[in-house]
Each structure stands twice: as C-alpha cells, then as structure tokens.
Protein backbone atom coordinates (compact mmCIF):
# COMPACT_ATOMS: atom_id res chain seq x y z
CA MET A 1 -10.79 0.94 5.37
CA GLN A 2 -12.83 -1.31 7.61
CA TRP A 3 -12.24 -4.96 8.50
CA ILE A 4 -14.61 -6.84 10.81
CA ASN A 5 -14.33 -10.14 12.64
CA ARG A 6 -18.11 -10.58 12.80
CA LYS A 7 -18.19 -13.29 15.47
CA ALA A 8 -15.88 -11.35 17.78
CA LEU A 9 -17.71 -8.07 17.11
CA ASP A 10 -21.13 -9.53 17.95
CA GLU A 11 -19.75 -10.93 21.20
CA LEU A 12 -18.03 -7.63 22.05
CA LEU A 13 -21.20 -5.57 21.55
CA THR A 14 -23.28 -8.07 23.53
CA THR A 15 -20.96 -8.05 26.56
CA ALA A 16 -20.09 -4.33 26.56
CA VAL A 17 -23.51 -2.80 26.04
CA ALA A 18 -26.09 -3.13 28.84
CA ASN A 19 -23.29 -4.46 31.02
CA PRO A 20 -24.29 -5.15 34.67
CA TYR A 21 -21.08 -3.57 36.03
CA SER A 22 -20.63 -0.52 33.82
CA SER A 23 -22.99 1.82 31.98
CA PHE A 24 -20.13 3.46 30.05
CA TYR A 25 -21.22 2.31 26.58
CA THR A 26 -24.93 2.18 27.37
CA GLY A 27 -24.97 5.86 28.29
CA LYS A 28 -22.70 6.80 25.41
CA TYR A 29 -24.93 5.15 22.84
CA ARG A 30 -28.18 6.30 24.45
CA ASP A 31 -27.03 9.88 23.96
CA SER A 32 -26.17 9.19 20.31
CA GLY A 33 -29.49 7.56 19.50
CA ILE A 34 -27.72 4.87 17.43
CA GLU A 35 -28.53 1.18 17.72
CA ALA A 36 -25.52 -0.65 19.17
CA ASP A 37 -25.37 -3.60 16.77
CA ALA A 38 -23.10 -4.77 13.97
CA GLU A 39 -25.32 -3.26 11.25
CA HIS A 40 -24.89 0.24 12.71
CA PHE A 41 -21.31 -0.31 13.89
CA SER A 42 -19.70 2.31 11.64
CA GLN A 43 -22.08 4.96 13.01
CA LEU A 44 -21.18 4.38 16.65
CA PRO A 45 -19.19 7.23 18.27
CA PHE A 46 -15.47 6.82 18.82
CA VAL A 47 -13.76 6.30 22.17
CA THR A 48 -10.64 8.37 22.87
CA ARG A 49 -7.83 8.13 25.40
CA THR A 50 -8.80 11.52 26.84
CA GLU A 51 -12.32 10.23 27.42
CA LEU A 52 -11.03 7.14 29.24
CA VAL A 53 -8.58 9.17 31.34
CA HIS A 54 -11.40 11.43 32.54
CA THR A 55 -13.83 8.59 33.28
CA PRO A 56 -13.37 7.21 36.82
CA LEU A 57 -11.99 3.66 36.80
CA VAL A 58 -15.01 2.29 38.67
CA ARG A 59 -17.32 3.53 35.90
CA ARG A 60 -15.37 1.77 33.14
CA THR A 61 -14.66 -1.57 34.79
CA PHE A 62 -16.93 -4.15 33.16
CA VAL A 63 -16.43 -7.13 35.48
CA ALA A 64 -16.70 -7.80 39.20
CA LYS A 65 -13.70 -6.72 41.29
CA GLU A 66 -12.63 -10.31 41.89
CA ALA A 67 -12.46 -10.90 38.10
CA VAL A 68 -9.80 -8.18 37.63
CA ARG A 69 -6.46 -9.98 37.38
CA PHE A 70 -4.14 -6.97 37.12
CA ILE A 71 -4.06 -3.24 36.48
CA ALA A 72 -1.90 -1.58 33.84
CA PHE A 73 -1.10 2.08 33.45
CA THR A 74 0.54 4.35 30.90
CA SER A 75 3.41 6.73 31.58
CA GLY A 76 1.16 9.78 31.42
CA THR A 77 3.41 11.42 28.83
CA SER A 78 0.62 11.90 26.27
CA ALA A 79 -2.19 13.04 28.56
CA SER A 80 -0.23 14.47 31.55
CA VAL A 81 -1.88 11.84 33.78
CA PRO A 82 -1.64 8.05 33.40
CA LEU A 83 -4.44 6.01 31.90
CA ILE A 84 -5.25 3.16 34.31
CA THR A 85 -6.74 0.08 32.70
CA PRO A 86 -8.14 -3.04 34.41
CA PHE A 87 -7.48 -6.43 32.80
CA SER A 88 -9.35 -9.67 33.18
CA GLU A 89 -8.08 -13.15 32.43
CA VAL A 90 -7.74 -13.88 28.72
CA GLU A 91 -7.94 -17.49 27.57
CA ASN A 92 -5.96 -17.05 24.36
CA TYR A 93 -4.09 -14.01 23.01
CA PHE A 94 -3.48 -15.62 19.59
CA PHE A 95 0.07 -14.24 19.48
CA GLU A 96 3.23 -16.13 18.50
CA PRO A 97 6.23 -14.55 20.31
CA SER A 98 8.71 -16.31 18.01
CA LEU A 99 7.08 -14.58 15.00
CA GLY A 100 7.59 -17.83 13.12
CA LEU A 101 11.39 -17.65 13.36
CA PRO A 102 13.69 -20.30 14.93
CA VAL A 103 14.19 -18.59 18.30
CA ALA A 104 13.55 -19.97 21.78
CA ARG A 105 14.89 -17.57 24.42
CA PRO A 106 14.05 -13.87 24.01
CA LEU A 107 15.65 -11.25 26.24
CA ILE A 108 12.95 -8.85 27.47
CA ILE A 109 14.18 -5.28 27.91
CA TYR A 110 10.91 -3.70 26.79
CA PRO A 111 9.29 -1.48 29.47
CA PRO A 112 5.62 -2.52 28.96
CA LEU A 113 6.51 -6.20 29.36
CA ASN A 114 8.94 -5.56 32.22
CA LYS A 115 6.42 -3.42 34.14
CA ASN A 116 2.76 -4.14 33.30
CA PHE A 117 2.32 -7.11 31.01
CA GLY A 118 4.98 -9.62 32.06
CA ALA A 119 2.54 -12.19 33.41
CA SER A 120 0.30 -12.09 30.35
CA PHE A 121 3.33 -12.30 28.04
CA ILE A 122 4.52 -15.43 29.86
CA GLN A 123 1.11 -16.94 29.16
CA GLN A 124 1.45 -16.06 25.47
CA CYS A 125 4.89 -17.66 25.36
CA ARG A 126 3.62 -20.86 26.96
CA GLN A 127 0.47 -21.27 24.87
CA ALA A 128 2.11 -20.52 21.50
CA LYS A 129 2.43 -23.18 18.81
CA GLN A 130 6.18 -22.63 19.07
CA PRO A 131 6.66 -21.91 22.80
CA VAL A 132 9.56 -19.73 23.92
CA SER A 133 11.09 -19.05 27.33
CA PRO A 134 11.27 -15.29 27.99
CA ILE A 135 14.16 -13.92 30.03
CA PHE A 136 13.12 -10.72 31.80
CA ALA A 137 16.05 -8.38 32.35
CA ASP A 138 16.42 -4.73 33.36
CA PHE A 139 15.94 -2.04 30.74
CA GLN A 140 17.34 0.49 33.24
CA ASN A 141 20.59 -1.47 33.70
CA LEU A 142 21.72 -2.61 30.29
CA ALA A 143 25.12 -3.84 31.51
CA ASN A 144 23.42 -6.34 33.82
CA SER A 145 20.97 -7.26 31.07
CA ALA A 146 23.87 -8.08 28.74
CA LEU A 147 25.42 -10.37 31.35
CA ILE A 148 22.08 -12.14 31.75
CA ALA A 149 21.74 -12.51 27.98
CA LYS A 150 25.22 -14.03 27.72
CA GLU A 151 24.80 -16.46 30.62
CA LEU A 152 21.40 -17.67 29.41
CA VAL A 153 22.34 -17.69 25.71
CA CYS A 154 19.48 -15.46 24.58
CA ASP A 155 18.85 -15.63 20.84
CA SER A 156 16.30 -12.82 20.42
CA MET A 157 15.20 -9.57 22.02
CA TYR A 158 12.05 -7.60 22.75
CA ALA A 159 12.84 -3.89 23.10
CA THR A 160 12.14 -0.42 21.81
CA PRO A 161 14.37 0.74 18.92
CA THR A 162 16.13 3.16 21.28
CA ILE A 163 16.82 0.53 23.95
CA ALA A 164 18.04 -1.95 21.32
CA ALA A 165 20.46 0.69 19.99
CA LEU A 166 21.75 1.52 23.46
CA PHE A 167 22.07 -2.17 24.34
CA ALA A 168 24.21 -2.81 21.26
CA GLU A 169 27.30 -1.33 22.96
CA GLN A 170 26.92 -3.73 25.90
CA ALA A 171 26.30 -6.66 23.55
CA ARG A 172 29.42 -5.86 21.53
CA SER A 173 31.58 -5.58 24.65
CA LEU A 174 30.54 -9.10 25.70
CA GLY A 175 30.78 -10.52 22.20
CA ILE A 176 27.10 -11.51 21.97
CA ALA A 177 25.76 -9.06 19.36
CA GLY A 178 26.00 -11.77 16.73
CA SER A 179 23.99 -14.21 18.85
CA PHE A 180 20.67 -12.44 18.30
CA LYS A 181 18.54 -13.84 15.48
CA LEU A 182 15.52 -11.60 16.05
CA LEU A 183 14.88 -8.06 17.26
CA ALA A 184 11.16 -7.59 18.03
CA LEU A 185 10.75 -3.82 18.33
CA SER A 186 7.78 -1.69 19.30
CA SER A 187 6.53 1.52 21.00
CA GLU A 188 8.53 3.91 18.80
CA THR A 189 8.68 4.66 15.12
CA LEU A 190 11.32 2.42 13.54
CA THR A 191 12.88 4.80 11.03
CA GLU A 192 14.98 3.65 8.09
CA ALA A 193 18.05 5.23 9.68
CA ARG A 194 17.49 3.33 12.93
CA ARG A 195 16.74 0.07 11.08
CA THR A 196 20.02 0.40 9.15
CA GLU A 197 21.94 1.17 12.34
CA LEU A 198 20.49 -1.84 14.16
CA GLY A 199 21.18 -4.07 11.18
CA ARG A 200 24.87 -3.18 11.48
CA ALA A 201 24.89 -3.60 15.27
CA TYR A 202 23.19 -7.04 15.19
CA PRO A 203 24.48 -8.56 11.94
CA ASN A 204 22.63 -11.89 12.24
CA ALA A 205 19.28 -10.58 13.47
CA SER A 206 16.04 -10.24 11.57
CA ILE A 207 14.32 -7.00 12.55
CA ALA A 208 10.58 -7.16 13.20
CA ASN A 209 8.40 -4.14 13.86
CA LEU A 210 5.40 -4.95 16.09
CA TYR A 211 2.40 -2.85 17.07
CA ALA A 212 1.23 -2.87 20.68
CA SER A 213 -1.02 -0.73 22.83
CA SER A 214 -1.23 -0.45 26.61
CA GLU A 215 -4.97 0.09 26.27
CA ILE A 216 -5.40 -3.13 24.30
CA GLY A 217 -2.92 -5.00 26.47
CA GLN A 218 -1.25 -7.15 23.84
CA PHE A 219 0.53 -7.05 20.51
CA ALA A 220 -2.29 -6.41 18.09
CA MET A 221 -0.32 -6.52 14.83
CA ALA A 222 2.85 -8.34 13.84
CA PRO A 223 4.76 -9.15 10.65
CA CYS A 224 5.04 -12.61 9.13
CA PRO A 225 8.49 -13.99 8.17
CA ALA A 226 7.98 -12.75 4.60
CA ILE A 227 7.38 -9.15 5.74
CA ILE A 228 10.34 -9.36 8.14
CA GLY A 229 12.51 -10.53 5.26
CA ARG A 230 11.48 -7.52 3.17
CA GLY A 231 12.57 -5.16 5.96
CA VAL A 232 9.44 -3.00 5.86
CA SER A 233 7.16 -1.61 8.57
CA GLU A 234 4.08 -3.57 7.55
CA PHE A 235 1.88 -5.65 9.83
CA HIS A 236 -0.68 -8.42 9.75
CA VAL A 237 -3.61 -7.76 12.04
CA ILE A 238 -3.79 -10.59 14.59
CA ALA A 239 -7.20 -11.45 13.21
CA PRO A 240 -8.57 -13.83 15.88
CA ALA A 241 -7.78 -11.34 18.66
CA LEU A 242 -9.48 -8.23 17.28
CA ALA A 243 -13.16 -7.55 16.65
CA ALA A 244 -12.65 -4.79 14.11
CA VAL A 245 -9.92 -2.65 12.57
CA GLU A 246 -10.61 0.63 10.80
CA ILE A 247 -8.53 3.36 9.21
CA VAL A 248 -10.39 6.65 9.66
CA ASP A 249 -8.71 9.72 8.17
CA GLY A 250 -5.49 7.73 8.32
CA GLU A 251 -5.83 6.92 12.05
CA LEU A 252 -6.02 3.37 13.36
CA VAL A 253 -9.30 2.64 15.16
CA VAL A 254 -9.60 -0.72 16.93
CA SER A 255 -12.34 -2.71 18.61
CA TYR A 256 -11.16 -5.33 21.08
CA GLY A 257 -13.07 -7.58 23.42
CA LEU A 258 -10.67 -10.21 24.79
CA ASN A 259 -10.13 -8.03 27.86
CA ARG A 260 -13.63 -8.20 29.30
CA ALA A 261 -12.67 -5.86 32.15
CA MET A 262 -12.30 -2.94 29.72
CA PRO A 263 -13.57 -3.73 26.22
CA LEU A 264 -12.83 -1.17 23.51
CA ILE A 265 -15.34 -0.24 20.82
CA ARG A 266 -14.03 2.04 18.05
CA TYR A 267 -11.03 3.22 20.06
CA ARG A 268 -8.92 5.93 18.38
CA THR A 269 -5.30 4.95 18.92
CA GLY A 270 -3.58 8.16 17.77
CA ASP A 271 -1.42 6.06 15.43
CA PHE A 272 -1.60 6.39 11.66
CA PHE A 273 -1.46 3.62 9.06
CA GLU A 274 -2.16 3.00 5.40
CA ALA A 275 -3.55 -0.06 3.66
CA GLY A 276 -0.59 -2.30 2.86
CA GLY A 277 0.08 -4.55 -0.10
CA SER A 278 -0.97 -8.16 -0.45
CA CYS A 279 0.94 -10.96 1.26
CA ASP A 280 1.11 -14.54 0.05
CA CYS A 281 1.62 -16.05 3.50
CA GLY A 282 -2.08 -16.93 3.89
CA LEU A 283 -2.74 -15.18 7.21
CA PRO A 284 -6.28 -13.75 7.52
CA GLY A 285 -7.07 -10.08 8.04
CA PRO A 286 -5.64 -6.98 6.38
CA VAL A 287 -2.02 -5.91 6.00
CA LEU A 288 -1.34 -2.37 7.21
CA ARG A 289 1.63 -0.10 6.60
CA TRP A 290 2.93 2.18 9.36
CA SER A 291 2.71 5.91 8.69
CA HIS A 292 3.33 7.86 11.90
CA ARG A 293 2.00 8.81 15.32
CA ASP A 294 1.05 12.30 16.40
CA ALA A 295 4.22 12.67 18.47
CA ASP A 296 6.39 11.84 15.42
CA ARG A 297 5.59 15.11 13.69
CA VAL A 298 5.63 18.71 14.80
CA ARG A 299 4.12 21.37 12.57
CA ILE A 300 4.99 24.85 13.69
CA ASN A 301 5.32 28.20 11.87
CA GLY A 302 4.72 26.48 8.53
CA MET A 303 7.57 24.03 9.14
CA GLU A 304 7.25 20.25 9.56
CA PHE A 305 9.70 18.27 11.66
CA THR A 306 9.64 14.45 11.53
CA VAL A 307 11.33 11.73 13.53
CA GLU A 308 12.37 10.09 10.25
CA GLU A 309 14.45 13.14 9.29
CA ALA A 310 15.73 13.73 12.84
CA ASP A 311 16.98 10.14 13.05
CA ARG A 312 18.68 10.53 9.66
CA ILE A 313 20.52 13.62 10.84
CA MET A 314 21.49 12.24 14.24
CA GLY A 315 22.60 8.94 12.75
CA GLY A 316 25.06 10.81 10.58
CA LEU A 317 26.76 12.81 13.31
CA PRO A 318 30.54 12.27 13.41
CA HIS A 319 32.10 10.39 16.33
CA MET A 320 28.71 9.55 17.86
CA SER A 321 27.10 6.13 17.85
CA SER A 322 23.32 6.04 18.34
CA PRO A 323 22.99 9.30 20.27
CA ARG A 324 19.91 9.84 22.39
CA TYR A 325 18.56 13.22 21.45
CA GLN A 326 15.63 15.54 22.03
CA VAL A 327 14.54 18.60 20.05
CA HIS A 328 12.90 21.47 21.93
CA PHE A 329 10.93 24.23 20.20
CA GLU A 330 10.74 27.51 22.10
CA ALA A 331 9.62 31.09 21.51
CA GLY A 332 12.25 32.96 19.52
CA GLU A 333 12.61 36.52 18.34
CA GLY A 334 9.31 38.08 17.26
CA ALA A 335 7.12 35.46 15.60
CA ALA A 336 10.03 33.12 14.92
CA VAL A 337 10.71 29.85 16.71
CA ALA A 338 13.98 28.87 18.37
CA MET A 339 15.22 25.29 18.11
CA ARG A 340 17.30 23.67 20.85
CA VAL A 341 18.78 20.22 20.25
CA GLU A 342 19.95 18.19 23.25
CA ILE A 343 22.29 15.27 22.60
CA ALA A 344 22.73 12.98 25.58
CA ASP A 345 26.31 11.76 26.03
CA PRO A 346 27.29 11.64 29.74
CA ALA A 347 30.97 10.93 29.08
CA LEU A 348 31.36 13.75 26.57
CA ALA A 349 29.27 16.16 28.67
CA ALA A 350 31.73 15.67 31.54
CA ARG A 351 34.48 17.04 29.30
CA SER A 352 32.95 20.50 29.09
CA GLU A 353 35.36 22.19 26.66
CA GLU A 354 35.27 19.27 24.24
CA ALA A 355 31.47 19.09 24.55
CA ARG A 356 31.09 22.79 23.74
CA ALA A 357 33.38 22.47 20.72
CA MET A 358 31.40 19.49 19.45
CA ALA A 359 28.10 21.32 19.98
CA ARG A 360 29.32 24.38 18.06
CA SER A 361 30.49 22.16 15.19
CA ILE A 362 27.09 20.48 14.97
CA GLU A 363 25.32 23.85 15.15
CA ARG A 364 27.23 25.05 12.09
CA ASP A 365 26.42 21.88 10.18
CA LEU A 366 22.74 21.31 10.99
CA PRO A 367 20.97 24.18 9.18
CA ALA A 368 22.17 23.12 5.73
CA ARG A 369 21.58 19.37 6.28
CA TRP A 370 18.24 19.20 8.13
CA ARG A 371 15.36 19.08 5.63
CA ILE A 372 11.90 20.41 6.52
CA SER A 373 10.50 19.73 3.04
CA SER A 374 11.72 18.42 -0.31
CA ASN A 375 13.15 21.82 -1.22
CA ALA A 376 13.76 23.55 2.12
CA THR A 377 16.15 23.17 5.05
CA LEU A 378 16.56 24.79 8.44
CA GLN A 379 18.72 27.38 6.71
CA THR A 380 15.80 28.22 4.43
CA ALA A 381 13.56 28.68 7.48
CA ILE A 382 16.13 30.97 9.10
CA GLU A 383 16.37 33.10 5.96
CA ARG A 384 12.58 33.39 5.81
CA GLY A 385 12.33 34.46 9.45
CA LEU A 386 10.44 31.34 10.54
CA LEU A 387 13.32 30.05 12.66
CA SER A 388 15.38 32.44 14.76
CA SER A 389 18.16 30.12 15.92
CA VAL A 390 19.43 26.56 16.17
CA ARG A 391 21.32 25.71 19.35
CA VAL A 392 22.94 22.40 20.28
CA ALA A 393 23.93 21.19 23.75
CA ILE A 394 25.75 18.03 24.80
CA VAL A 395 24.06 16.98 28.06
CA PRO A 396 24.26 14.09 30.54
CA GLN A 397 20.60 13.28 29.83
CA VAL A 398 17.75 14.88 27.90
CA SER A 399 15.43 17.30 29.72
CA SER A 400 12.34 15.10 29.36
CA PRO A 401 13.63 11.54 29.89
CA GLY A 402 11.54 8.40 29.90
CA ALA A 403 11.59 4.75 28.85
CA LYS A 404 9.74 5.69 25.65
CA ALA A 405 11.82 8.12 23.62
CA ARG A 406 10.26 11.56 23.28
CA ARG A 407 11.97 13.16 20.31
CA PHE A 408 10.13 16.49 20.07
CA VAL A 409 9.03 18.80 22.89
CA ASN A 410 7.04 21.86 21.87
CA HIS A 411 7.12 24.70 24.42
CA VAL A 412 5.44 27.21 22.10
CA ARG A 413 1.79 27.82 22.93
C-alpha cells in the first residue's frame, strides 16, 4: 500500500535533497543512482533507525544551529544507544488533542510528552480547532498525579496502556476514575485484554489508540470518534502532516517533512499495520489497522510468544489486578529454552512465603493455559522438548524496568 500527499512530498524532497546543511540524503541517493523525485519515490532506499543512530548528529541536522528549537531522544532500549533527533519549529501539527470528543483538560502522564515533546504538545493544544488545556503530571509518582487530576478536575488522560492501568488504583482511591471521558493511549500494543481491563477501571471513558513516533515527533495517526466508538485499533493517517505512508511487507514506512531539522524520507518504523476498512467520517488519507511491533513477538525454538496472549494470561491471574510482568527466555537443558516469568508486586514480594506460594501456584497453572499456537500450549512445548521449564517469581520490580513496558527479554543468542 502506498499513499502520497503530493504537495508535501514535493516540498520534502526539495528541502531534504541537496540541502546546504546536510548531505545525508544527497550522498545516499548518489550511491543508489536513483533520481530523487516523486516519480521515482518508490525506488528510493529506505532509512532505518540503526542508520540514524550511527550517523553523527551534525551530519543529519538539516538547518542552521540557531533554527534547532529542541532535541529529543529515545530511551535506547531498541538500539542499546539513544537516537538523538533535532527538531525545528513547526507552524502547524494538524493534530486535534481532543480527538473530537467533549474534553477540555487532559492529564498528561505519558513519558514522551512529559520529557521531550511537552512544549510542542502545548502548541498543538492551543492551535487546535477545539483547544484543550493540558495538565502535565508525574508518571513516576502516580499518587501525586491523581491528586493533581482531582484538584484540577481532569476529564481525559494521555498515557501508555500500562501507566493507565497502574493509575487506575490511585484514581479509584480518590473517587475520580469515573471522571475520565477519554483515555488517549500510545507507545505500547493495546491488547484486547488490556482494553477490557481499562474499560472496567474507567467506566465512563472512551478508549482511543494513537500512533506516535519519537523520530517523527508528533502523533502521526489517530482514530476518529466513529473508530473510537467501535473499540478497535484502527487509525486515520493525519493526512496534512505526512508526505507519504507506505506498508512494505507489513511494516509502516513514513515520509515526514514538517520537522525541517531532520526530515524523514521512507523511514522504516519497525511497526506493522494492515490496510483498514472504510470509514464514513470523511477524513482524507487511508485507514490503517494495527498489527504488531517487532518487540511484541518472540519466535524461538519454533514457538511464538505474543503480547496479546501474555496479556490475556496475566489479566486472568487470581488476586492480581493489572500486574506488571516480564517474560525472560534463557538457555535451558540441551537445545531447549527455559522461560522465567517475573510478576512485579512490591507488597506481595515483601511477604516472601506468600509470594513463593503464589508463584508456585501460577507455575502449575501456566503450561496448560498459555497458548503458543491454535493447537499448542506451553505444556505441548515441554512435552516436545522445546521448552525445558517455566518458572515464576514475584518480585518488587521487573529486571529490565522502563517507562515503556518491555514484555519479552530474550537472553538466548
């Protein structure tokens, strides 16, 4: 699939190629021998995160130093080192933070907005057709954030699915869970199990799944009220903001030129989508349906583990509400793989005997319940010698913590 905003694409190619401040694209295309114009666009080589990480910042900054308004950076989880991206001033992001719903005061406990993109998000809130007043709280102190939300009568929330689930306990304790009319969630896969859980925790909230990228620097896709009402992970491309959107072998490839400091031409996002159904709302651009991101699936020893299934299993654990978990894959006996599941519950972990008893109970239950295909479970994998063991530990925190939930950690090389 390929969708092109021809006016934006022409402008992007003109400003990025033969740029007076950076030869990044000029050299890249010279080596390929392909003409850098809209007619040959689909033949241009891709840009990858690894390529950007290993290109010095000075060589991929496309404006004068004084035109750089701020610098953003990733956590470094995916590439072991952070990707640093310069951002210039953007006149219009074309994003409506209210998502067309009757909300006016969103609580922001979403790490990218709290850390890197707060100033640009404020601009988006002010310039929107339906302006909102964002309330920036602390995603690392959810108790304080709940007090802020109550005092300022917040009616919506920007968060990751994990943070929204953890915040629900604080919201319930202060009696404000029913005050939220919108949950705008991003940065993690929103599984059906997590969507159902959040629907129970915030009974009056519409749940919207958004797509954002630190490299792009803004929300690039968002649902309309009709999609939100259907409760599906589908998105409208924010058509005026993007120059091109492609699905190549299932992977989302974007071209974006509003950030003149670091324009992106055919950037491989590492996120996977499918062409979505039609929508009668009248918005331009394609509708895409979320599939997965690389980190959502682990294929090892002929077995496939998915976040969708892991969330289903963890959501059904007895006596545990929205546990934070992490699954580690390690070398087992012979060619088999060992599976270690960490469930973060500081209060329970402090009661060591009770924690061990709970862990043993879950260990006995998991193999028969956890599916790795339509007709196979962990127990099947154990019987076939693919999986040597399944161990569960109740811990104060997972071994590889971070603001963005990392569900699977593969130690087998």
